[in-house]
Amino acid sequence: MPETLLISDNTARSGDAVGLTTVTRVGKKRTLVIPKKIAEKLGIREGDRVRITLLEDKIVLEPERDAVWLSLHGKKIAKISLEELESESVEEQRKYIEGVD
């Protein structure tokens, strides 16, 4: 399960465990500043993308992870050797060059 920050009534949760709680003010154009401790806990930096979901009366913020982040930090679902990776890469490049799907 990706890390999730649920902000509602004075409660912040990551999964099912109670975590950091803070109060912040909504600024101009409804800008919301994520407190430093929470941003650090979720690994959110300036320029990162976040998914915002409305669940009844709650706002859920989830970091949008790119392929590089997922490859370095995400859950591993398969193992592949460097030789297998290189072979697959060469095959995909061949298909791309030849226009084969």
C-alpha atoms as a PDB file:
ATOM      1  CA  MET A   1       0.000   0.000   0.000  1.00  0.00           C
ATOM      2  CA  PRO A   2       1.478   3.397  -0.912  1.00  0.00           C
ATOM      3  CA  GLU A   3       2.083   5.819   1.897  1.00  0.00           C
ATOM      4  CA  THR A   4      -1.023   7.921   2.432  1.00  0.00           C
ATOM      5  CA  LEU A   5      -1.654  10.967   4.550  1.00  0.00           C
ATOM      6  CA  LEU A   6      -5.260  11.316   5.652  1.00  0.00           C
ATOM      7  CA  ILE A   7      -6.132  14.699   7.099  1.00  0.00           C
ATOM      8  CA  SER A   8      -9.441  15.002   8.882  1.00  0.00           C
ATOM      9  CA  ASP A   9     -10.715  16.712  12.025  1.00  0.00           C
ATOM     10  CA  ASN A  10      -7.314  16.688  13.934  1.00  0.00           C
ATOM     11  CA  THR A  11      -6.359  13.130  12.880  1.00  0.00           C
ATOM     12  CA  ALA A  12      -3.583  12.146  10.501  1.00  0.00           C
ATOM     13  CA  ARG A  13      -3.090   8.516   9.556  1.00  0.00           C
ATOM     14  CA  SER A  14      -0.576   6.553   7.540  1.00  0.00           C
ATOM     15  CA  GLY A  15      -2.320   3.286   6.786  1.00  0.00           C
ATOM     16  CA  ASP A  16      -4.007   2.310  10.051  1.00  0.00           C
ATOM     17  CA  ALA A  17      -1.446   3.798  12.457  1.00  0.00           C
ATOM     18  CA  VAL A  18      -2.040   7.222  13.959  1.00  0.00           C
ATOM     19  CA  GLY A  19       0.783   9.520  12.879  1.00  0.00           C
ATOM     20  CA  LEU A  20       1.575  13.202  12.799  1.00  0.00           C
ATOM     21  CA  THR A  21      -1.180  15.725  13.404  1.00  0.00           C
ATOM     22  CA  THR A  22      -0.971  19.420  12.665  1.00  0.00           C
ATOM     23  CA  VAL A  23      -3.168  22.391  11.885  1.00  0.00           C
ATOM     24  CA  THR A  24      -2.379  24.603   8.925  1.00  0.00           C
ATOM     25  CA  ARG A  25      -4.103  27.534   7.274  1.00  0.00           C
ATOM     26  CA  VAL A  26      -5.380  27.622   3.714  1.00  0.00           C
ATOM     27  CA  GLY A  27      -3.767  30.519   1.813  1.00  0.00           C
ATOM     28  CA  LYS A  28      -4.606  32.539  -1.273  1.00  0.00           C
ATOM     29  CA  LYS A  29      -6.099  30.526  -4.131  1.00  0.00           C
ATOM     30  CA  ARG A  30      -6.718  27.716  -1.603  1.00  0.00           C
ATOM     31  CA  THR A  31      -2.976  26.999  -1.304  1.00  0.00           C
ATOM     32  CA  LEU A  32      -2.194  24.435   1.377  1.00  0.00           C
ATOM     33  CA  VAL A  33       1.334  24.187   2.763  1.00  0.00           C
ATOM     34  CA  ILE A  34       2.314  20.669   3.828  1.00  0.00           C
ATOM     35  CA  PRO A  35       4.217  20.952   7.122  1.00  0.00           C
ATOM     36  CA  LYS A  36       7.908  20.020   6.892  1.00  0.00           C
ATOM     37  CA  LYS A  37       7.701  17.005   9.234  1.00  0.00           C
ATOM     38  CA  ILE A  38       4.827  15.491   7.256  1.00  0.00           C
ATOM     39  CA  ALA A  39       6.440  16.213   3.881  1.00  0.00           C
ATOM     40  CA  GLU A  40       9.686  14.620   5.067  1.00  0.00           C
ATOM     41  CA  LYS A  41       7.863  11.571   6.435  1.00  0.00           C
ATOM     42  CA  LEU A  42       6.209  10.998   3.047  1.00  0.00           C
ATOM     43  CA  GLY A  43       9.268  12.033   1.035  1.00  0.00           C
ATOM     44  CA  ILE A  44       7.446  14.933  -0.646  1.00  0.00           C
ATOM     45  CA  ARG A  45       9.702  17.670  -2.037  1.00  0.00           C
ATOM     46  CA  GLU A  46       9.058  20.913  -3.898  1.00  0.00           C
ATOM     47  CA  GLY A  47       7.920  20.149  -7.441  1.00  0.00           C
ATOM     48  CA  ASP A  48       6.664  16.637  -6.618  1.00  0.00           C
ATOM     49  CA  ARG A  49       3.203  15.644  -7.759  1.00  0.00           C
ATOM     50  CA  VAL A  50       0.549  14.553  -5.269  1.00  0.00           C
ATOM     51  CA  ARG A  51      -2.856  12.968  -5.839  1.00  0.00           C
ATOM     52  CA  ILE A  52      -5.666  14.679  -3.906  1.00  0.00           C
ATOM     53  CA  THR A  53      -8.815  12.653  -3.255  1.00  0.00           C
ATOM     54  CA  LEU A  54     -12.004  13.743  -1.512  1.00  0.00           C
ATOM     55  CA  LEU A  55     -13.545  10.988   0.645  1.00  0.00           C
ATOM     56  CA  GLU A  56     -16.786  12.276   2.136  1.00  0.00           C
ATOM     57  CA  ASP A  57     -15.507  15.020   4.499  1.00  0.00           C
ATOM     58  CA  LYS A  58     -11.800  14.075   4.307  1.00  0.00           C
ATOM     59  CA  ILE A  59      -8.912  15.019   2.034  1.00  0.00           C
ATOM     60  CA  VAL A  60      -6.408  12.308   1.131  1.00  0.00           C
ATOM     61  CA  LEU A  61      -2.965  13.331  -0.183  1.00  0.00           C
ATOM     62  CA  GLU A  62      -0.833  10.636  -1.817  1.00  0.00           C
ATOM     63  CA  PRO A  63       2.583  11.162  -3.374  1.00  0.00           C
ATOM     64  CA  GLU A  64       2.622  10.341  -7.107  1.00  0.00           C
ATOM     65  CA  ARG A  65       5.753   8.281  -7.611  1.00  0.00           C
ATOM     66  CA  ASP A  66       7.558   8.161 -10.938  1.00  0.00           C
ATOM     67  CA  ALA A  67       9.144   5.050 -12.454  1.00  0.00           C
ATOM     68  CA  VAL A  68      12.629   5.874 -11.143  1.00  0.00           C
ATOM     69  CA  TRP A  69      11.411   6.289  -7.550  1.00  0.00           C
ATOM     70  CA  LEU A  70       9.389   3.081  -7.789  1.00  0.00           C
ATOM     71  CA  SER A  71      12.359   1.140  -9.147  1.00  0.00           C
ATOM     72  CA  LEU A  72      14.561   2.313  -6.268  1.00  0.00           C
ATOM     73  CA  HIS A  73      12.086   2.334  -3.373  1.00  0.00           C
ATOM     74  CA  GLY A  74       8.910   0.559  -4.475  1.00  0.00           C
ATOM     75  CA  LYS A  75       7.739  -2.928  -3.604  1.00  0.00           C
ATOM     76  CA  LYS A  76       9.572  -5.553  -5.635  1.00  0.00           C
ATOM     77  CA  ILE A  77       7.274  -7.983  -7.421  1.00  0.00           C
ATOM     78  CA  ALA A  78       9.807  -9.887  -9.548  1.00  0.00           C
ATOM     79  CA  LYS A  79      13.508 -10.581  -9.834  1.00  0.00           C
ATOM     80  CA  ILE A  80      15.479 -10.202 -13.050  1.00  0.00           C
ATOM     81  CA  SER A  81      19.168 -10.604 -13.752  1.00  0.00           C
ATOM     82  CA  LEU A  82      21.222  -8.005 -15.593  1.00  0.00           C
ATOM     83  CA  GLU A  83      21.557 -10.429 -18.504  1.00  0.00           C
ATOM     84  CA  GLU A  84      17.775 -10.839 -18.732  1.00  0.00           C
ATOM     85  CA  LEU A  85      17.311  -7.079 -18.520  1.00  0.00           C
ATOM     86  CA  GLU A  86      19.856  -6.461 -21.287  1.00  0.00           C
ATOM     87  CA  SER A  87      18.279  -9.138 -23.485  1.00  0.00           C
ATOM     88  CA  GLU A  88      14.811  -7.643 -23.017  1.00  0.00           C
ATOM     89  CA  SER A  89      16.157  -4.148 -23.724  1.00  0.00           C
ATOM     90  CA  VAL A  90      17.822  -5.283 -26.965  1.00  0.00           C
ATOM     91  CA  GLU A  91      14.617  -7.029 -28.072  1.00  0.00           C
ATOM     92  CA  GLU A  92      12.457  -3.952 -27.350  1.00  0.00           C
ATOM     93  CA  GLN A  93      14.927  -1.717 -29.202  1.00  0.00           C
ATOM     94  CA  ARG A  94      14.807  -4.090 -32.188  1.00  0.00           C
ATOM     95  CA  LYS A  95      11.015  -3.963 -32.213  1.00  0.00           C
ATOM     96  CA  TYR A  96      11.090  -0.170 -31.993  1.00  0.00           C
ATOM     97  CA  ILE A  97      13.567   0.202 -34.853  1.00  0.00           C
ATOM     98  CA  GLU A  98      11.737  -2.290 -37.074  1.00  0.00           C
ATOM     99  CA  GLY A  99       8.320  -0.919 -36.144  1.00  0.00           C
ATOM    100  CA  VAL A 100       7.107  -4.303 -34.876  1.00  0.00           C
ATOM    101  CA  ASP A 101       4.601  -4.568 -32.017  1.00  0.00           C
END
